[in-house]
Amino acid sequence: MRLVTMGSAPIMQQLHLEERLLRRTSDNWCILNEGTAPPTIVMGVSGKVSELVEIQPVLRDGVQPFPRDIMTWTGQLYGKVFRGFGEFQLRENDYAFGHRKFGGNAQSITKDRWVHHTSFLWDYDAKSMNYLKNPQRAPEYRQARNHTDFLCRMNEYMPSRSGFTEGITTALKDHFTVQHTELETALSDDNDFVPSTKMLSPQDLQDIISSKESPTVERVQGWPQS
């Protein structure tokens, strides 16, 4: 397992890297990104902007939107990481402390490889949650709760980000030989790769409002929202 750690890398860079490593390498990788900047909305290939995003506030504030077996294994892995830090549970496809979600997940699966992407809520600005609608398809355990009641912050349960990172590394060593790898090394093998993840522009959002139709994020080719 090759481990790459990044600090506050933009989510677009991380998504491009994950896709590149999935499609163009044969090694196993773990990418740890401690925080992302700027704040970004991530959506998936089947998501509809009008069903998931409050478009007018996004345009006003200039926010940039993006677009069972694996879950069982990762749930067991993170169960080791969070042991002693709250009541960790795999709730449907979410990571939760008790009945409150702190980790949203997505996968991309090819013939013989897969990438598992998690957005962990170490902390968040409650105002930013106003950009997101309550999804039409929600996990049963959400019970129609609003974002504030449904989500929790990891820093309410864990003392430090470094402890979280160390916990992941330790848990990975139970399954793999972990090799720390520089980001530049991960990026150096293939300069011709063209990622599919793209940005929606403010004009794209204006067009959605004008047409009252929500194109699927096939135009965006991003990842599911938290």
C-alpha atoms as a PDB file:
ATOM      1  CA  MET A   1       0.000   0.000   0.000  1.00  0.00           C
ATOM      2  CA  ARG A   2       1.473   3.357  -1.074  1.00  0.00           C
ATOM      3  CA  LEU A   3       0.437   6.190   1.252  1.00  0.00           C
ATOM      4  CA  VAL A   4       0.286   9.817   0.059  1.00  0.00           C
ATOM      5  CA  THR A   5      -0.475  12.608   2.538  1.00  0.00           C
ATOM      6  CA  MET A   6      -1.546  16.100   1.454  1.00  0.00           C
ATOM      7  CA  GLY A   7      -2.431  19.236   3.380  1.00  0.00           C
ATOM      8  CA  SER A   8      -5.471  21.289   2.356  1.00  0.00           C
ATOM      9  CA  ALA A   9      -5.186  20.341  -1.314  1.00  0.00           C
ATOM     10  CA  PRO A  10      -8.134  21.489  -3.468  1.00  0.00           C
ATOM     11  CA  ILE A  11     -10.710  18.745  -3.856  1.00  0.00           C
ATOM     12  CA  MET A  12     -10.419  18.932  -7.659  1.00  0.00           C
ATOM     13  CA  GLN A  13      -6.739  18.015  -7.389  1.00  0.00           C
ATOM     14  CA  GLN A  14      -7.571  15.099  -5.101  1.00  0.00           C
ATOM     15  CA  LEU A  15     -10.334  13.761  -7.355  1.00  0.00           C
ATOM     16  CA  HIS A  16      -8.096  13.994 -10.418  1.00  0.00           C
ATOM     17  CA  LEU A  17      -5.344  12.165  -8.552  1.00  0.00           C
ATOM     18  CA  GLU A  18      -7.684   9.394  -7.387  1.00  0.00           C
ATOM     19  CA  GLU A  19      -9.033   8.825 -10.883  1.00  0.00           C
ATOM     20  CA  ARG A  20      -5.545   8.858 -12.375  1.00  0.00           C
ATOM     21  CA  LEU A  21      -4.210   6.308  -9.886  1.00  0.00           C
ATOM     22  CA  LEU A  22      -7.273   4.106 -10.384  1.00  0.00           C
ATOM     23  CA  ARG A  23      -7.065   4.032 -14.156  1.00  0.00           C
ATOM     24  CA  ARG A  24      -3.346   4.308 -14.867  1.00  0.00           C
ATOM     25  CA  THR A  25      -1.494   2.398 -12.131  1.00  0.00           C
ATOM     26  CA  SER A  26      -1.593  -1.110 -10.713  1.00  0.00           C
ATOM     27  CA  ASP A  27      -0.420  -0.259  -7.171  1.00  0.00           C
ATOM     28  CA  ASN A  28      -2.636   0.044  -4.098  1.00  0.00           C
ATOM     29  CA  TRP A  29      -2.914   3.635  -2.815  1.00  0.00           C
ATOM     30  CA  CYS A  30      -4.219   5.487   0.222  1.00  0.00           C
ATOM     31  CA  ILE A  31      -4.622   9.284  -0.135  1.00  0.00           C
ATOM     32  CA  LEU A  32      -4.960  11.370   3.043  1.00  0.00           C
ATOM     33  CA  ASN A  33      -5.836  15.033   2.520  1.00  0.00           C
ATOM     34  CA  GLU A  34      -6.089  17.025   5.745  1.00  0.00           C
ATOM     35  CA  GLY A  35      -8.725  19.571   4.808  1.00  0.00           C
ATOM     36  CA  THR A  36      -9.603  21.081   1.427  1.00  0.00           C
ATOM     37  CA  ALA A  37      -9.713  24.647   0.168  1.00  0.00           C
ATOM     38  CA  PRO A  38     -11.637  26.451  -1.148  1.00  0.00           C
ATOM     39  CA  PRO A  39     -15.049  25.155   0.085  1.00  0.00           C
ATOM     40  CA  THR A  40     -16.492  22.980  -2.670  1.00  0.00           C
ATOM     41  CA  ILE A  41     -19.705  21.097  -3.393  1.00  0.00           C
ATOM     42  CA  VAL A  42     -19.134  17.601  -4.798  1.00  0.00           C
ATOM     43  CA  MET A  43     -21.800  15.812  -6.827  1.00  0.00           C
ATOM     44  CA  GLY A  44     -21.934  12.467  -8.597  1.00  0.00           C
ATOM     45  CA  VAL A  45     -22.494  11.367 -12.157  1.00  0.00           C
ATOM     46  CA  SER A  46     -26.190  10.667 -11.509  1.00  0.00           C
ATOM     47  CA  GLY A  47     -26.843  13.770  -9.398  1.00  0.00           C
ATOM     48  CA  LYS A  48     -29.131  16.580 -10.476  1.00  0.00           C
ATOM     49  CA  VAL A  49     -28.052  20.063  -9.558  1.00  0.00           C
ATOM     50  CA  SER A  50     -31.537  21.385  -8.884  1.00  0.00           C
ATOM     51  CA  GLU A  51     -32.319  18.495  -6.520  1.00  0.00           C
ATOM     52  CA  LEU A  52     -29.114  18.784  -4.498  1.00  0.00           C
ATOM     53  CA  VAL A  53     -27.934  22.391  -4.557  1.00  0.00           C
ATOM     54  CA  GLU A  54     -29.464  25.726  -3.558  1.00  0.00           C
ATOM     55  CA  ILE A  55     -28.298  27.402  -6.749  1.00  0.00           C
ATOM     56  CA  GLN A  56     -29.056  31.051  -5.965  1.00  0.00           C
ATOM     57  CA  PRO A  57     -26.947  31.155  -2.756  1.00  0.00           C
ATOM     58  CA  VAL A  58     -24.132  29.324  -4.565  1.00  0.00           C
ATOM     59  CA  LEU A  59     -24.121  31.936  -7.323  1.00  0.00           C
ATOM     60  CA  ARG A  60     -24.369  34.773  -4.816  1.00  0.00           C
ATOM     61  CA  ASP A  61     -21.451  33.584  -2.715  1.00  0.00           C
ATOM     62  CA  GLY A  62     -19.283  32.172  -5.492  1.00  0.00           C
ATOM     63  CA  VAL A  63     -19.131  28.572  -4.249  1.00  0.00           C
ATOM     64  CA  GLN A  64     -17.740  26.057  -6.775  1.00  0.00           C
ATOM     65  CA  PRO A  65     -19.858  22.875  -7.254  1.00  0.00           C
ATOM     66  CA  PHE A  66     -18.383  19.535  -8.402  1.00  0.00           C
ATOM     67  CA  PRO A  67     -19.783  17.138  -9.336  1.00  0.00           C
ATOM     68  CA  ARG A  68     -21.591  -3.472  -0.062  1.00  0.00           C
ATOM     69  CA  ASP A  69     -18.655  -5.252   0.034  1.00  0.00           C
ATOM     70  CA  ILE A  70     -16.287  -2.366  -0.123  1.00  0.00           C
ATOM     71  CA  MET A  71     -18.329  -0.549   2.508  1.00  0.00           C
ATOM     72  CA  THR A  72     -18.193  -3.551   4.825  1.00  0.00           C
ATOM     73  CA  TRP A  73     -14.411  -3.771   4.544  1.00  0.00           C
ATOM     74  CA  THR A  74     -13.869  -0.053   5.074  1.00  0.00           C
ATOM     75  CA  GLY A  75     -16.313  -0.076   7.984  1.00  0.00           C
ATOM     76  CA  GLN A  76     -14.192  -2.736   9.665  1.00  0.00           C
ATOM     77  CA  LEU A  77     -11.007  -0.789   8.905  1.00  0.00           C
ATOM     78  CA  TYR A  78     -12.314   2.459  10.371  1.00  0.00           C
ATOM     79  CA  GLY A  79     -13.792   0.602  13.302  1.00  0.00           C
ATOM     80  CA  LYS A  80     -10.169   0.110  14.396  1.00  0.00           C
ATOM     81  CA  VAL A  81      -9.324   3.769  13.739  1.00  0.00           C
ATOM     82  CA  PHE A  82     -12.225   5.105  15.822  1.00  0.00           C
ATOM     83  CA  ARG A  83     -12.054   2.557  18.626  1.00  0.00           C
ATOM     84  CA  GLY A  84     -12.371   4.493  21.863  1.00  0.00           C
ATOM     85  CA  PHE A  85     -13.631   7.668  20.140  1.00  0.00           C
ATOM     86  CA  GLY A  86     -17.407   7.613  20.272  1.00  0.00           C
ATOM     87  CA  GLU A  87     -19.899   5.029  19.041  1.00  0.00           C
ATOM     88  CA  PHE A  88     -18.627   4.475  15.479  1.00  0.00           C
ATOM     89  CA  GLN A  89     -21.091   2.785  13.127  1.00  0.00           C
ATOM     90  CA  LEU A  90     -21.460   2.024   9.443  1.00  0.00           C
ATOM     91  CA  ARG A  91     -24.988   3.340   8.862  1.00  0.00           C
ATOM     92  CA  GLU A  92     -26.169   2.249   5.428  1.00  0.00           C
ATOM     93  CA  ASN A  93     -23.430   3.860   3.259  1.00  0.00           C
ATOM     94  CA  ASP A  94     -22.333   6.482   5.804  1.00  0.00           C
ATOM     95  CA  TYR A  95     -19.884   6.624   8.675  1.00  0.00           C
ATOM     96  CA  ALA A  96     -21.589   7.854  11.833  1.00  0.00           C
ATOM     97  CA  PHE A  97     -21.074   8.369  15.522  1.00  0.00           C
ATOM     98  CA  GLY A  98     -24.318   7.015  16.894  1.00  0.00           C
ATOM     99  CA  HIS A  99     -27.093   8.402  14.703  1.00  0.00           C
ATOM    100  CA  ARG A 100     -25.136  11.393  13.343  1.00  0.00           C
ATOM    101  CA  LYS A 101     -23.131  11.255  10.129  1.00  0.00           C
ATOM    102  CA  PHE A 102     -19.528  12.474   9.838  1.00  0.00           C
ATOM    103  CA  GLY A 103     -18.318  10.632   6.718  1.00  0.00           C
ATOM    104  CA  GLY A 104     -19.811  10.437   3.224  1.00  0.00           C
ATOM    105  CA  ASN A 105     -18.583   7.831   0.757  1.00  0.00           C
ATOM    106  CA  ALA A 106     -18.378   7.124  -2.964  1.00  0.00           C
ATOM    107  CA  GLN A 107     -16.801   4.429  -5.095  1.00  0.00           C
ATOM    108  CA  SER A 108     -15.639   4.031  -8.667  1.00  0.00           C
ATOM    109  CA  ILE A 109     -15.179   0.428  -9.792  1.00  0.00           C
ATOM    110  CA  THR A 110     -13.423  -0.854 -12.894  1.00  0.00           C
ATOM    111  CA  LYS A 111     -12.908  -4.438 -14.034  1.00  0.00           C
ATOM    112  CA  ASP A 112     -10.253  -5.307 -11.492  1.00  0.00           C
ATOM    113  CA  ARG A 113      -9.688  -2.131  -9.446  1.00  0.00           C
ATOM    114  CA  TRP A 114     -11.676   0.294  -7.334  1.00  0.00           C
ATOM    115  CA  VAL A 115     -11.324   3.616  -5.554  1.00  0.00           C
ATOM    116  CA  HIS A 116     -13.139   4.405  -2.313  1.00  0.00           C
ATOM    117  CA  HIS A 117     -13.435   8.125  -1.547  1.00  0.00           C
ATOM    118  CA  THR A 118     -14.531   9.485   1.825  1.00  0.00           C
ATOM    119  CA  SER A 119     -15.212  13.081   2.826  1.00  0.00           C
ATOM    120  CA  PHE A 120     -14.686  13.310   6.591  1.00  0.00           C
ATOM    121  CA  LEU A 121     -16.236  16.256   8.448  1.00  0.00           C
ATOM    122  CA  TRP A 122     -13.487  17.209  10.852  1.00  0.00           C
ATOM    123  CA  ASP A 123     -15.171  20.593  11.196  1.00  0.00           C
ATOM    124  CA  TYR A 124     -17.542  22.669   9.089  1.00  0.00           C
ATOM    125  CA  ASP A 125     -19.153  26.057   8.836  1.00  0.00           C
ATOM    126  CA  ALA A 126     -22.883  25.642   9.433  1.00  0.00           C
ATOM    127  CA  LYS A 127     -23.522  28.427   6.928  1.00  0.00           C
ATOM    128  CA  SER A 128     -22.036  26.294   4.160  1.00  0.00           C
ATOM    129  CA  MET A 129     -24.703  23.649   4.715  1.00  0.00           C
ATOM    130  CA  ASN A 130     -27.290  26.153   3.477  1.00  0.00           C
ATOM    131  CA  TYR A 131     -25.986  25.572  -0.054  1.00  0.00           C
ATOM    132  CA  LEU A 132     -27.231  21.971   0.034  1.00  0.00           C
ATOM    133  CA  LYS A 133     -30.808  20.790  -0.213  1.00  0.00           C
ATOM    134  CA  ASN A 134     -32.032  17.768   1.664  1.00  0.00           C
ATOM    135  CA  PRO A 135     -31.642  15.004  -0.943  1.00  0.00           C
ATOM    136  CA  GLN A 136     -34.758  13.307  -2.271  1.00  0.00           C
ATOM    137  CA  ARG A 137     -33.091   9.943  -1.725  1.00  0.00           C
ATOM    138  CA  ALA A 138     -31.760   9.877   1.805  1.00  0.00           C
ATOM    139  CA  PRO A 139     -30.737   7.051   4.145  1.00  0.00           C
ATOM    140  CA  GLU A 140     -33.553   5.782   6.320  1.00  0.00           C
ATOM    141  CA  TYR A 141     -31.710   6.616   9.539  1.00  0.00           C
ATOM    142  CA  ARG A 142     -31.665  10.312   8.566  1.00  0.00           C
ATOM    143  CA  GLN A 143     -35.395  10.465   9.415  1.00  0.00           C
ATOM    144  CA  ALA A 144     -35.877  13.748   7.523  1.00  0.00           C
ATOM    145  CA  ARG A 145     -33.511  15.607   9.855  1.00  0.00           C
ATOM    146  CA  ASN A 146     -31.960  18.846   8.627  1.00  0.00           C
ATOM    147  CA  HIS A 147     -28.217  19.032   8.042  1.00  0.00           C
ATOM    148  CA  THR A 148     -27.390  20.437  11.472  1.00  0.00           C
ATOM    149  CA  ASP A 149     -29.277  17.706  13.317  1.00  0.00           C
ATOM    150  CA  PHE A 150     -28.045  14.955  11.002  1.00  0.00           C
ATOM    151  CA  LEU A 151     -24.309  15.762  10.916  1.00  0.00           C
ATOM    152  CA  CYS A 152     -21.593  15.938  13.546  1.00  0.00           C
ATOM    153  CA  ARG A 153     -18.006  17.131  13.642  1.00  0.00           C
ATOM    154  CA  MET A 154     -15.168  14.665  14.107  1.00  0.00           C
ATOM    155  CA  ASN A 155     -13.296  17.108  16.324  1.00  0.00           C
ATOM    156  CA  GLU A 156     -16.046  16.625  18.893  1.00  0.00           C
ATOM    157  CA  TYR A 157     -14.832  13.025  19.288  1.00  0.00           C
ATOM    158  CA  MET A 158     -11.130  12.930  18.351  1.00  0.00           C
ATOM    159  CA  PRO A 159      -8.425  15.110  19.929  1.00  0.00           C
ATOM    160  CA  SER A 160      -6.329  15.788  16.811  1.00  0.00           C
ATOM    161  CA  ARG A 161      -6.127  15.302  13.054  1.00  0.00           C
ATOM    162  CA  SER A 162      -2.647  13.842  13.438  1.00  0.00           C
ATOM    163  CA  GLY A 163      -4.067  11.146  15.707  1.00  0.00           C
ATOM    164  CA  PHE A 164      -6.649  10.329  13.039  1.00  0.00           C
ATOM    165  CA  THR A 165      -3.969  10.068  10.338  1.00  0.00           C
ATOM    166  CA  GLU A 166      -1.797   7.876  12.540  1.00  0.00           C
ATOM    167  CA  GLY A 167      -4.795   5.670  13.285  1.00  0.00           C
ATOM    168  CA  ILE A 168      -5.455   5.103   9.575  1.00  0.00           C
ATOM    169  CA  THR A 169      -1.797   4.251   8.946  1.00  0.00           C
ATOM    170  CA  THR A 170      -1.791   1.767  11.825  1.00  0.00           C
ATOM    171  CA  ALA A 171      -5.023   0.119  10.627  1.00  0.00           C
ATOM    172  CA  LEU A 172      -3.693  -0.184   7.064  1.00  0.00           C
ATOM    173  CA  LYS A 173      -0.611  -1.997   8.361  1.00  0.00           C
ATOM    174  CA  ASP A 174      -2.886  -4.826   9.531  1.00  0.00           C
ATOM    175  CA  HIS A 175      -3.614  -5.533   5.857  1.00  0.00           C
ATOM    176  CA  PHE A 176      -0.755  -4.068   3.788  1.00  0.00           C
ATOM    177  CA  THR A 177       2.895  -3.179   3.816  1.00  0.00           C
ATOM    178  CA  VAL A 178       2.610   0.614   3.887  1.00  0.00           C
ATOM    179  CA  GLN A 179       5.069   2.627   1.800  1.00  0.00           C
ATOM    180  CA  HIS A 180       5.010   6.397   2.299  1.00  0.00           C
ATOM    181  CA  THR A 181       5.088   8.065  -1.123  1.00  0.00           C
ATOM    182  CA  GLU A 182       5.577  11.698  -2.119  1.00  0.00           C
ATOM    183  CA  LEU A 183       2.771  13.334  -4.079  1.00  0.00           C
ATOM    184  CA  GLU A 184       5.188  14.204  -6.884  1.00  0.00           C
ATOM    185  CA  THR A 185       5.974  10.499  -7.301  1.00  0.00           C
ATOM    186  CA  ALA A 186       2.288   9.660  -7.607  1.00  0.00           C
ATOM    187  CA  LEU A 187       1.912  12.289 -10.326  1.00  0.00           C
ATOM    188  CA  SER A 188       5.088  11.554 -12.262  1.00  0.00           C
ATOM    189  CA  ASP A 189       4.160   8.414 -14.195  1.00  0.00           C
ATOM    190  CA  ASP A 190       1.631   9.707 -16.695  1.00  0.00           C
ATOM    191  CA  ASN A 191       1.580  13.216 -18.091  1.00  0.00           C
ATOM    192  CA  ASP A 192      -0.990  12.403 -20.783  1.00  0.00           C
ATOM    193  CA  PHE A 193      -3.854  11.497 -18.462  1.00  0.00           C
ATOM    194  CA  VAL A 194      -6.992  13.604 -18.940  1.00  0.00           C
ATOM    195  CA  PRO A 195      -9.310  13.515 -15.882  1.00  0.00           C
ATOM    196  CA  SER A 196     -13.072  13.442 -16.327  1.00  0.00           C
ATOM    197  CA  THR A 197     -13.927  15.597 -13.289  1.00  0.00           C
ATOM    198  CA  LYS A 198     -14.800  19.121 -14.393  1.00  0.00           C
ATOM    199  CA  MET A 199     -16.219  22.297 -12.890  1.00  0.00           C
ATOM    200  CA  LEU A 200     -19.674  23.761 -13.342  1.00  0.00           C
ATOM    201  CA  SER A 201     -19.367  27.431 -14.165  1.00  0.00           C
ATOM    202  CA  PRO A 202     -21.668  30.188 -12.844  1.00  0.00           C
ATOM    203  CA  GLN A 203     -23.117  30.336 -16.365  1.00  0.00           C
ATOM    204  CA  ASP A 204     -23.975  26.619 -16.174  1.00  0.00           C
ATOM    205  CA  LEU A 205     -25.921  27.301 -12.974  1.00  0.00           C
ATOM    206  CA  GLN A 206     -27.656  30.310 -14.488  1.00  0.00           C
ATOM    207  CA  ASP A 207     -28.681  28.142 -17.442  1.00  0.00           C
ATOM    208  CA  ILE A 208     -30.187  25.580 -15.075  1.00  0.00           C
ATOM    209  CA  ILE A 209     -32.245  28.278 -13.377  1.00  0.00           C
ATOM    210  CA  SER A 210     -33.351  29.696 -16.726  1.00  0.00           C
ATOM    211  CA  SER A 211     -34.367  26.375 -18.233  1.00  0.00           C
ATOM    212  CA  LYS A 212     -35.877  24.972 -15.007  1.00  0.00           C
ATOM    213  CA  GLU A 213     -34.299  21.695 -16.033  1.00  0.00           C
ATOM    214  CA  SER A 214     -31.475  20.036 -14.175  1.00  0.00           C
ATOM    215  CA  PRO A 215     -28.934  18.299 -16.361  1.00  0.00           C
ATOM    216  CA  THR A 216     -27.423  15.245 -14.802  1.00  0.00           C
ATOM    217  CA  VAL A 217     -23.855  15.605 -13.771  1.00  0.00           C
ATOM    218  CA  GLU A 218     -22.722  13.562 -16.736  1.00  0.00           C
ATOM    219  CA  ARG A 219     -21.544  17.018 -17.835  1.00  0.00           C
ATOM    220  CA  VAL A 220     -19.536  17.286 -14.650  1.00  0.00           C
ATOM    221  CA  GLN A 221     -18.327  13.735 -14.055  1.00  0.00           C
ATOM    222  CA  GLY A 222     -17.735  14.329 -10.356  1.00  0.00           C
ATOM    223  CA  TRP A 223     -18.258  12.388  -7.151  1.00  0.00           C
ATOM    224  CA  PRO A 224     -21.265  12.003  -4.814  1.00  0.00           C
ATOM    225  CA  GLN A 225     -21.997  14.681  -2.271  1.00  0.00           C
ATOM    226  CA  SER A 226     -21.634  14.099   1.432  1.00  0.00           C
END
